[in-house]
Amino acid sequence: MNRTTEGIRGRIEESLNSIRPYLHADGGDVKILSISEDRILKLEFLGNCSSCPMSTMTFKAGVEEAIKRSVPEIELIEVVNLVAH
């Protein structure tokens, strides 16, 4: 991981920390899996978030919005275990 990626990872963690209390309140969390050279971020929902039928809304309205606001250079965000309902 290069210095730029480390800086981006830190900013992503900060943005995730801003919404984690809401995820934790419902028994869930989110984890960074990887950030590619072409700035594609892969996340994994943990706990209740991994099986919640509202996870798509949580991703779009919460996680994705927080990251895009704080780290606009991220090109794409994927959640490997997003529940589609």
PDB file of N, CA and C in Angstrom:
ATOM      1  N   MET A   1       0.852  -1.178   0.000  1.00  0.00           N
ATOM      2  CA  MET A   1       0.000   0.000   0.000  1.00  0.00           C
ATOM      3  C   MET A   1       0.896   1.238   0.000  1.00  0.00           C
ATOM      4  N   ASN A   2       0.657   2.127  -0.938  1.00  0.00           N
ATOM      5  CA  ASN A   2       1.482   3.328  -1.001  1.00  0.00           C
ATOM      6  C   ASN A   2       0.931   4.425  -0.090  1.00  0.00           C
ATOM      7  N   ARG A   3       1.691   5.491   0.023  1.00  0.00           N
ATOM      8  CA  ARG A   3       1.331   6.578   0.934  1.00  0.00           C
ATOM      9  C   ARG A   3      -0.006   7.224   0.564  1.00  0.00           C
ATOM     10  N   THR A   4      -0.265   7.365  -0.727  1.00  0.00           N
ATOM     11  CA  THR A   4      -1.539   7.948  -1.166  1.00  0.00           C
ATOM     12  C   THR A   4      -2.707   7.069  -0.735  1.00  0.00           C
ATOM     13  N   THR A   5      -2.566   5.761  -0.952  1.00  0.00           N
ATOM     14  CA  THR A   5      -3.624   4.833  -0.564  1.00  0.00           C
ATOM     15  C   THR A   5      -3.827   4.837   0.944  1.00  0.00           C
ATOM     16  N   GLU A   6      -2.737   4.935   1.699  1.00  0.00           N
ATOM     17  CA  GLU A   6      -2.854   5.007   3.162  1.00  0.00           C
ATOM     18  C   GLU A   6      -3.634   6.243   3.588  1.00  0.00           C
ATOM     19  N   GLY A   7      -3.361   7.383   2.944  1.00  0.00           N
ATOM     20  CA  GLY A   7      -4.091   8.611   3.257  1.00  0.00           C
ATOM     21  C   GLY A   7      -5.564   8.502   2.926  1.00  0.00           C
ATOM     22  N   ILE A   8      -5.851   7.894   1.785  1.00  0.00           N
ATOM     23  CA  ILE A   8      -7.247   7.688   1.385  1.00  0.00           C
ATOM     24  C   ILE A   8      -7.928   6.747   2.375  1.00  0.00           C
ATOM     25  N   ARG A   9      -7.248   5.657   2.752  1.00  0.00           N
ATOM     26  CA  ARG A   9      -7.817   4.701   3.700  1.00  0.00           C
ATOM     27  C   ARG A   9      -8.153   5.405   5.022  1.00  0.00           C
ATOM     28  N   GLY A  10      -7.269   6.260   5.492  1.00  0.00           N
ATOM     29  CA  GLY A  10      -7.521   6.994   6.735  1.00  0.00           C
ATOM     30  C   GLY A  10      -8.744   7.883   6.641  1.00  0.00           C
ATOM     31  N   ARG A  11      -8.890   8.568   5.508  1.00  0.00           N
ATOM     32  CA  ARG A  11     -10.048   9.439   5.321  1.00  0.00           C
ATOM     33  C   ARG A  11     -11.331   8.633   5.192  1.00  0.00           C
ATOM     34  N   ILE A  12     -11.252   7.452   4.558  1.00  0.00           N
ATOM     35  CA  ILE A  12     -12.421   6.587   4.453  1.00  0.00           C
ATOM     36  C   ILE A  12     -12.827   6.108   5.843  1.00  0.00           C
ATOM     37  N   GLU A  13     -11.842   5.683   6.648  1.00  0.00           N
ATOM     38  CA  GLU A  13     -12.138   5.240   8.023  1.00  0.00           C
ATOM     39  C   GLU A  13     -12.800   6.356   8.818  1.00  0.00           C
ATOM     40  N   GLU A  14     -12.315   7.586   8.668  1.00  0.00           N
ATOM     41  CA  GLU A  14     -12.928   8.726   9.363  1.00  0.00           C
ATOM     42  C   GLU A  14     -14.386   8.900   8.929  1.00  0.00           C
ATOM     43  N   SER A  15     -14.644   8.792   7.632  1.00  0.00           N
ATOM     44  CA  SER A  15     -16.028   8.953   7.161  1.00  0.00           C
ATOM     45  C   SER A  15     -16.900   7.811   7.667  1.00  0.00           C
ATOM     46  N   LEU A  16     -16.355   6.596   7.701  1.00  0.00           N
ATOM     47  CA  LEU A  16     -17.119   5.465   8.230  1.00  0.00           C
ATOM     48  C   LEU A  16     -17.379   5.629   9.725  1.00  0.00           C
ATOM     49  N   ASN A  17     -16.410   6.175  10.442  1.00  0.00           N
ATOM     50  CA  ASN A  17     -16.595   6.399  11.880  1.00  0.00           C
ATOM     51  C   ASN A  17     -17.747   7.355  12.166  1.00  0.00           C
ATOM     52  N   SER A  18     -18.035   8.249  11.212  1.00  0.00           N
ATOM     53  CA  SER A  18     -19.141   9.197  11.411  1.00  0.00           C
ATOM     54  C   SER A  18     -20.506   8.506  11.353  1.00  0.00           C
ATOM     55  N   ILE A  19     -20.588   7.361  10.681  1.00  0.00           N
ATOM     56  CA  ILE A  19     -21.873   6.661  10.589  1.00  0.00           C
ATOM     57  C   ILE A  19     -21.900   5.358  11.389  1.00  0.00           C
ATOM     58  N   ARG A  20     -20.756   4.936  11.889  1.00  0.00           N
ATOM     59  CA  ARG A  20     -20.706   3.667  12.639  1.00  0.00           C
ATOM     60  C   ARG A  20     -21.648   3.621  13.840  1.00  0.00           C
ATOM     61  N   PRO A  21     -21.839   4.705  14.581  1.00  0.00           N
ATOM     62  CA  PRO A  21     -22.782   4.615  15.711  1.00  0.00           C
ATOM     63  C   PRO A  21     -24.171   4.145  15.287  1.00  0.00           C
ATOM     64  N   TYR A  22     -24.613   4.542  14.099  1.00  0.00           N
ATOM     65  CA  TYR A  22     -25.923   4.126  13.595  1.00  0.00           C
ATOM     66  C   TYR A  22     -25.908   2.644  13.228  1.00  0.00           C
ATOM     67  N   LEU A  23     -24.817   2.204  12.623  1.00  0.00           N
ATOM     68  CA  LEU A  23     -24.688   0.789  12.276  1.00  0.00           C
ATOM     69  C   LEU A  23     -24.606  -0.064  13.544  1.00  0.00           C
ATOM     70  N   HIS A  24     -23.807   0.397  14.510  1.00  0.00           N
ATOM     71  CA  HIS A  24     -23.655  -0.340  15.769  1.00  0.00           C
ATOM     72  C   HIS A  24     -24.978  -0.433  16.521  1.00  0.00           C
ATOM     73  N   ALA A  25     -25.796   0.608  16.448  1.00  0.00           N
ATOM     74  CA  ALA A  25     -27.087   0.607  17.140  1.00  0.00           C
ATOM     75  C   ALA A  25     -27.982  -0.520  16.645  1.00  0.00           C
ATOM     76  N   ASP A  26     -27.778  -0.923  15.395  1.00  0.00           N
ATOM     77  CA  ASP A  26     -28.567  -2.015  14.820  1.00  0.00           C
ATOM     78  C   ASP A  26     -27.787  -3.327  14.794  1.00  0.00           C
ATOM     79  N   GLY A  27     -26.647  -3.366  15.486  1.00  0.00           N
ATOM     80  CA  GLY A  27     -25.864  -4.598  15.574  1.00  0.00           C
ATOM     81  C   GLY A  27     -25.002  -4.881  14.356  1.00  0.00           C
ATOM     82  N   GLY A  28     -24.631  -3.845  13.633  1.00  0.00           N
ATOM     83  CA  GLY A  28     -23.837  -4.038  12.422  1.00  0.00           C
ATOM     84  C   GLY A  28     -22.582  -3.190  12.392  1.00  0.00           C
ATOM     85  N   ASP A  29     -21.850  -3.310  11.297  1.00  0.00           N
ATOM     86  CA  ASP A  29     -20.638  -2.532  11.080  1.00  0.00           C
ATOM     87  C   ASP A  29     -20.248  -2.682   9.617  1.00  0.00           C
ATOM     88  N   VAL A  30     -19.181  -2.005   9.234  1.00  0.00           N
ATOM     89  CA  VAL A  30     -18.669  -2.077   7.876  1.00  0.00           C
ATOM     90  C   VAL A  30     -17.150  -2.105   7.953  1.00  0.00           C
ATOM     91  N   LYS A  31     -16.534  -2.864   7.039  1.00  0.00           N
ATOM     92  CA  LYS A  31     -15.086  -3.028   7.045  1.00  0.00           C
ATOM     93  C   LYS A  31     -14.543  -2.767   5.643  1.00  0.00           C
ATOM     94  N   ILE A  32     -13.393  -2.076   5.562  1.00  0.00           N
ATOM     95  CA  ILE A  32     -12.705  -1.886   4.291  1.00  0.00           C
ATOM     96  C   ILE A  32     -11.975  -3.179   3.949  1.00  0.00           C
ATOM     97  N   LEU A  33     -12.232  -3.697   2.760  1.00  0.00           N
ATOM     98  CA  LEU A  33     -11.517  -4.884   2.290  1.00  0.00           C
ATOM     99  C   LEU A  33     -10.313  -4.508   1.438  1.00  0.00           C
ATOM    100  N   SER A  34     -10.527  -3.566   0.511  1.00  0.00           N
ATOM    101  CA  SER A  34      -9.425  -3.170  -0.355  1.00  0.00           C
ATOM    102  C   SER A  34      -9.716  -1.842  -1.042  1.00  0.00           C
ATOM    103  N   ILE A  35      -8.625  -1.214  -1.478  1.00  0.00           N
ATOM    104  CA  ILE A  35      -8.694  -0.017  -2.315  1.00  0.00           C
ATOM    105  C   ILE A  35      -7.735  -0.289  -3.471  1.00  0.00           C
ATOM    106  N   SER A  36      -8.258  -0.352  -4.676  1.00  0.00           N
ATOM    107  CA  SER A  36      -7.417  -0.677  -5.828  1.00  0.00           C
ATOM    108  C   SER A  36      -6.670   0.561  -6.311  1.00  0.00           C
ATOM    109  N   GLU A  37      -5.699   0.317  -7.180  1.00  0.00           N
ATOM    110  CA  GLU A  37      -4.921   1.408  -7.775  1.00  0.00           C
ATOM    111  C   GLU A  37      -5.813   2.382  -8.538  1.00  0.00           C
ATOM    112  N   ASP A  38      -6.887   1.858  -9.141  1.00  0.00           N
ATOM    113  CA  ASP A  38      -7.799   2.729  -9.882  1.00  0.00           C
ATOM    114  C   ASP A  38      -8.931   3.261  -8.997  1.00  0.00           C
ATOM    115  N   ARG A  39      -8.691   3.219  -7.686  1.00  0.00           N
ATOM    116  CA  ARG A  39      -9.558   3.828  -6.670  1.00  0.00           C
ATOM    117  C   ARG A  39     -10.952   3.230  -6.595  1.00  0.00           C
ATOM    118  N   ILE A  40     -10.999   1.914  -6.668  1.00  0.00           N
ATOM    119  CA  ILE A  40     -12.240   1.183  -6.422  1.00  0.00           C
ATOM    120  C   ILE A  40     -12.159   0.639  -5.001  1.00  0.00           C
ATOM    121  N   LEU A  41     -13.134   1.006  -4.210  1.00  0.00           N
ATOM    122  CA  LEU A  41     -13.181   0.626  -2.799  1.00  0.00           C
ATOM    123  C   LEU A  41     -14.100  -0.568  -2.636  1.00  0.00           C
ATOM    124  N   LYS A  42     -13.607  -1.607  -1.956  1.00  0.00           N
ATOM    125  CA  LYS A  42     -14.445  -2.770  -1.644  1.00  0.00           C
ATOM    126  C   LYS A  42     -14.656  -2.810  -0.142  1.00  0.00           C
ATOM    127  N   LEU A  43     -15.931  -2.904   0.233  1.00  0.00           N
ATOM    128  CA  LEU A  43     -16.333  -2.951   1.631  1.00  0.00           C
ATOM    129  C   LEU A  43     -17.065  -4.257   1.915  1.00  0.00           C
ATOM    130  N   GLU A  44     -17.164  -4.577   3.200  1.00  0.00           N
ATOM    131  CA  GLU A  44     -17.957  -5.715   3.642  1.00  0.00           C
ATOM    132  C   GLU A  44     -18.822  -5.272   4.804  1.00  0.00           C
ATOM    133  N   PHE A  45     -20.116  -5.566   4.723  1.00  0.00           N
ATOM    134  CA  PHE A  45     -20.994  -5.318   5.857  1.00  0.00           C
ATOM    135  C   PHE A  45     -20.820  -6.452   6.859  1.00  0.00           C
ATOM    136  N   LEU A  46     -20.840  -6.107   8.132  1.00  0.00           N
ATOM    137  CA  LEU A  46     -20.643  -7.073   9.207  1.00  0.00           C
ATOM    138  C   LEU A  46     -21.865  -7.121  10.110  1.00  0.00           C
ATOM    139  N   GLY A  47     -21.999  -8.205  10.863  1.00  0.00           N
ATOM    140  CA  GLY A  47     -23.092  -8.338  11.819  1.00  0.00           C
ATOM    141  C   GLY A  47     -24.438  -8.292  11.135  1.00  0.00           C
ATOM    142  N   ASN A  48     -25.386  -7.609  11.768  1.00  0.00           N
ATOM    143  CA  ASN A  48     -26.744  -7.529  11.222  1.00  0.00           C
ATOM    144  C   ASN A  48     -26.802  -6.852   9.859  1.00  0.00           C
ATOM    145  N   CYS A  49     -25.834  -5.986   9.564  1.00  0.00           N
ATOM    146  CA  CYS A  49     -25.836  -5.297   8.266  1.00  0.00           C
ATOM    147  C   CYS A  49     -25.631  -6.273   7.104  1.00  0.00           C
ATOM    148  N   SER A  50     -24.997  -7.411   7.378  1.00  0.00           N
ATOM    149  CA  SER A  50     -24.714  -8.359   6.300  1.00  0.00           C
ATOM    150  C   SER A  50     -25.963  -9.104   5.835  1.00  0.00           C
ATOM    151  N   SER A  51     -27.022  -9.101   6.638  1.00  0.00           N
ATOM    152  CA  SER A  51     -28.234  -9.831   6.252  1.00  0.00           C
ATOM    153  C   SER A  51     -29.495  -8.975   6.288  1.00  0.00           C
ATOM    154  N   CYS A  52     -29.342  -7.698   6.534  1.00  0.00           N
ATOM    155  CA  CYS A  52     -30.498  -6.809   6.672  1.00  0.00           C
ATOM    156  C   CYS A  52     -31.104  -6.472   5.312  1.00  0.00           C
ATOM    157  N   PRO A  53     -32.431  -6.569   5.195  1.00  0.00           N
ATOM    158  CA  PRO A  53     -33.083  -6.209   3.934  1.00  0.00           C
ATOM    159  C   PRO A  53     -32.963  -4.710   3.617  1.00  0.00           C
ATOM    160  N   MET A  54     -32.601  -3.904   4.598  1.00  0.00           N
ATOM    161  CA  MET A  54     -32.440  -2.463   4.379  1.00  0.00           C
ATOM    162  C   MET A  54     -30.991  -2.095   4.045  1.00  0.00           C
ATOM    163  N   SER A  55     -30.125  -3.080   3.858  1.00  0.00           N
ATOM    164  CA  SER A  55     -28.705  -2.799   3.661  1.00  0.00           C
ATOM    165  C   SER A  55     -28.433  -1.980   2.405  1.00  0.00           C
ATOM    166  N   THR A  56     -29.224  -2.154   1.361  1.00  0.00           N
ATOM    167  CA  THR A  56     -29.028  -1.351   0.154  1.00  0.00           C
ATOM    168  C   THR A  56     -29.278   0.117   0.456  1.00  0.00           C
ATOM    169  N   MET A  57     -30.337   0.408   1.190  1.00  0.00           N
ATOM    170  CA  MET A  57     -30.631   1.788   1.561  1.00  0.00           C
ATOM    171  C   MET A  57     -29.559   2.338   2.500  1.00  0.00           C
ATOM    172  N   THR A  58     -29.121   1.520   3.445  1.00  0.00           N
ATOM    173  CA  THR A  58     -28.055   1.931   4.365  1.00  0.00           C
ATOM    174  C   THR A  58     -26.805   2.282   3.574  1.00  0.00           C
ATOM    175  N   PHE A  59     -26.488   1.467   2.592  1.00  0.00           N
ATOM    176  CA  PHE A  59     -25.311   1.723   1.764  1.00  0.00           C
ATOM    177  C   PHE A  59     -25.452   3.035   1.001  1.00  0.00           C
ATOM    178  N   LYS A  60     -26.545   3.185   0.261  1.00  0.00           N
ATOM    179  CA  LYS A  60     -26.726   4.361  -0.595  1.00  0.00           C
ATOM    180  C   LYS A  60     -26.846   5.657   0.206  1.00  0.00           C
ATOM    181  N   ALA A  61     -27.692   5.652   1.223  1.00  0.00           N
ATOM    182  CA  ALA A  61     -27.988   6.884   1.957  1.00  0.00           C
ATOM    183  C   ALA A  61     -26.972   7.182   3.056  1.00  0.00           C
ATOM    184  N   GLY A  62     -26.283   6.176   3.530  1.00  0.00           N
ATOM    185  CA  GLY A  62     -25.366   6.387   4.643  1.00  0.00           C
ATOM    186  C   GLY A  62     -23.913   6.224   4.261  1.00  0.00           C
ATOM    187  N   VAL A  63     -23.527   4.996   3.988  1.00  0.00           N
ATOM    188  CA  VAL A  63     -22.119   4.668   3.755  1.00  0.00           C
ATOM    189  C   VAL A  63     -21.575   5.361   2.506  1.00  0.00           C
ATOM    190  N   GLU A  64     -22.221   5.157   1.377  1.00  0.00           N
ATOM    191  CA  GLU A  64     -21.737   5.739   0.124  1.00  0.00           C
ATOM    192  C   GLU A  64     -21.707   7.263   0.198  1.00  0.00           C
ATOM    193  N   GLU A  65     -22.752   7.852   0.724  1.00  0.00           N
ATOM    194  CA  GLU A  65     -22.829   9.319   0.827  1.00  0.00           C
ATOM    195  C   GLU A  65     -21.703   9.868   1.697  1.00  0.00           C
ATOM    196  N   ALA A  66     -21.449   9.236   2.845  1.00  0.00           N
ATOM    197  CA  ALA A  66     -20.391   9.697   3.753  1.00  0.00           C
ATOM    198  C   ALA A  66     -19.024   9.614   3.085  1.00  0.00           C
ATOM    199  N   ILE A  67     -18.771   8.522   2.389  1.00  0.00           N
ATOM    200  CA  ILE A  67     -17.462   8.352   1.740  1.00  0.00           C
ATOM    201  C   ILE A  67     -17.299   9.334   0.588  1.00  0.00           C
ATOM    202  N   LYS A  68     -18.295   9.467  -0.255  1.00  0.00           N
ATOM    203  CA  LYS A  68     -18.190  10.383  -1.401  1.00  0.00           C
ATOM    204  C   LYS A  68     -18.012  11.832  -0.958  1.00  0.00           C
ATOM    205  N   ARG A  69     -18.606  12.192   0.149  1.00  0.00           N
ATOM    206  CA  ARG A  69     -18.471  13.546   0.669  1.00  0.00           C
ATOM    207  C   ARG A  69     -17.041  13.790   1.168  1.00  0.00           C
ATOM    208  N   SER A  70     -16.450  12.810   1.834  1.00  0.00           N
ATOM    209  CA  SER A  70     -15.123  12.968   2.435  1.00  0.00           C
ATOM    210  C   SER A  70     -13.972  12.592   1.514  1.00  0.00           C
ATOM    211  N   VAL A  71     -14.229  11.663   0.591  1.00  0.00           N
ATOM    212  CA  VAL A  71     -13.155  11.141  -0.271  1.00  0.00           C
ATOM    213  C   VAL A  71     -13.658  11.092  -1.714  1.00  0.00           C
ATOM    214  N   PRO A  72     -13.805  12.265  -2.337  1.00  0.00           N
ATOM    215  CA  PRO A  72     -14.407  12.310  -3.674  1.00  0.00           C
ATOM    216  C   PRO A  72     -13.577  11.612  -4.754  1.00  0.00           C
ATOM    217  N   GLU A  73     -12.298  11.359  -4.489  1.00  0.00           N
ATOM    218  CA  GLU A  73     -11.479  10.707  -5.513  1.00  0.00           C
ATOM    219  C   GLU A  73     -11.753   9.207  -5.655  1.00  0.00           C
ATOM    220  N   ILE A  74     -12.548   8.633  -4.746  1.00  0.00           N
ATOM    221  CA  ILE A  74     -12.951   7.231  -4.898  1.00  0.00           C
ATOM    222  C   ILE A  74     -13.893   7.149  -6.097  1.00  0.00           C
ATOM    223  N   GLU A  75     -13.553   6.274  -7.052  1.00  0.00           N
ATOM    224  CA  GLU A  75     -14.319   6.164  -8.302  1.00  0.00           C
ATOM    225  C   GLU A  75     -15.568   5.306  -8.149  1.00  0.00           C
ATOM    226  N   LEU A  76     -15.450   4.208  -7.381  1.00  0.00           N
ATOM    227  CA  LEU A  76     -16.544   3.252  -7.273  1.00  0.00           C
ATOM    228  C   LEU A  76     -16.472   2.592  -5.911  1.00  0.00           C
ATOM    229  N   ILE A  77     -17.626   2.344  -5.316  1.00  0.00           N
ATOM    230  CA  ILE A  77     -17.697   1.660  -4.025  1.00  0.00           C
ATOM    231  C   ILE A  77     -18.539   0.410  -4.220  1.00  0.00           C
ATOM    232  N   GLU A  78     -17.967  -0.726  -3.844  1.00  0.00           N
ATOM    233  CA  GLU A  78     -18.674  -1.999  -3.938  1.00  0.00           C
ATOM    234  C   GLU A  78     -18.753  -2.618  -2.546  1.00  0.00           C
ATOM    235  N   VAL A  79     -19.899  -3.188  -2.231  1.00  0.00           N
ATOM    236  CA  VAL A  79     -20.051  -3.954  -0.994  1.00  0.00           C
ATOM    237  C   VAL A  79     -20.182  -5.407  -1.429  1.00  0.00           C
ATOM    238  N   VAL A  80     -19.238  -6.247  -0.997  1.00  0.00           N
ATOM    239  CA  VAL A  80     -19.173  -7.613  -1.510  1.00  0.00           C
ATOM    240  C   VAL A  80     -20.358  -8.469  -1.085  1.00  0.00           C
ATOM    241  N   ASN A  81     -20.991  -8.127   0.029  1.00  0.00           N
ATOM    242  CA  ASN A  81     -22.105  -8.949   0.531  1.00  0.00           C
ATOM    243  C   ASN A  81     -23.392  -8.145   0.673  1.00  0.00           C
ATOM    244  N   LEU A  82     -23.601  -7.190  -0.210  1.00  0.00           N
ATOM    245  CA  LEU A  82     -24.813  -6.369  -0.168  1.00  0.00           C
ATOM    246  C   LEU A  82     -26.028  -7.251  -0.435  1.00  0.00           C
ATOM    247  N   VAL A  83     -27.037  -7.135   0.419  1.00  0.00           N
ATOM    248  CA  VAL A  83     -28.263  -7.923   0.283  1.00  0.00           C
ATOM    249  C   VAL A  83     -29.190  -7.184  -0.678  1.00  0.00           C
ATOM    250  N   ALA A  84     -29.536  -7.842  -1.771  1.00  0.00           N
ATOM    251  CA  ALA A  84     -30.450  -7.231  -2.741  1.00  0.00           C
ATOM    252  C   ALA A  84     -31.858  -7.744  -2.487  1.00  0.00           C
ATOM    253  N   HIS A  85     -32.778  -6.825  -2.192  1.00  0.00           N
ATOM    254  CA  HIS A  85     -34.185  -7.194  -1.957  1.00  0.00           C
ATOM    255  C   HIS A  85     -35.069  -6.342  -2.805  1.00  0.00           C
TER     256      HIS A  85
END
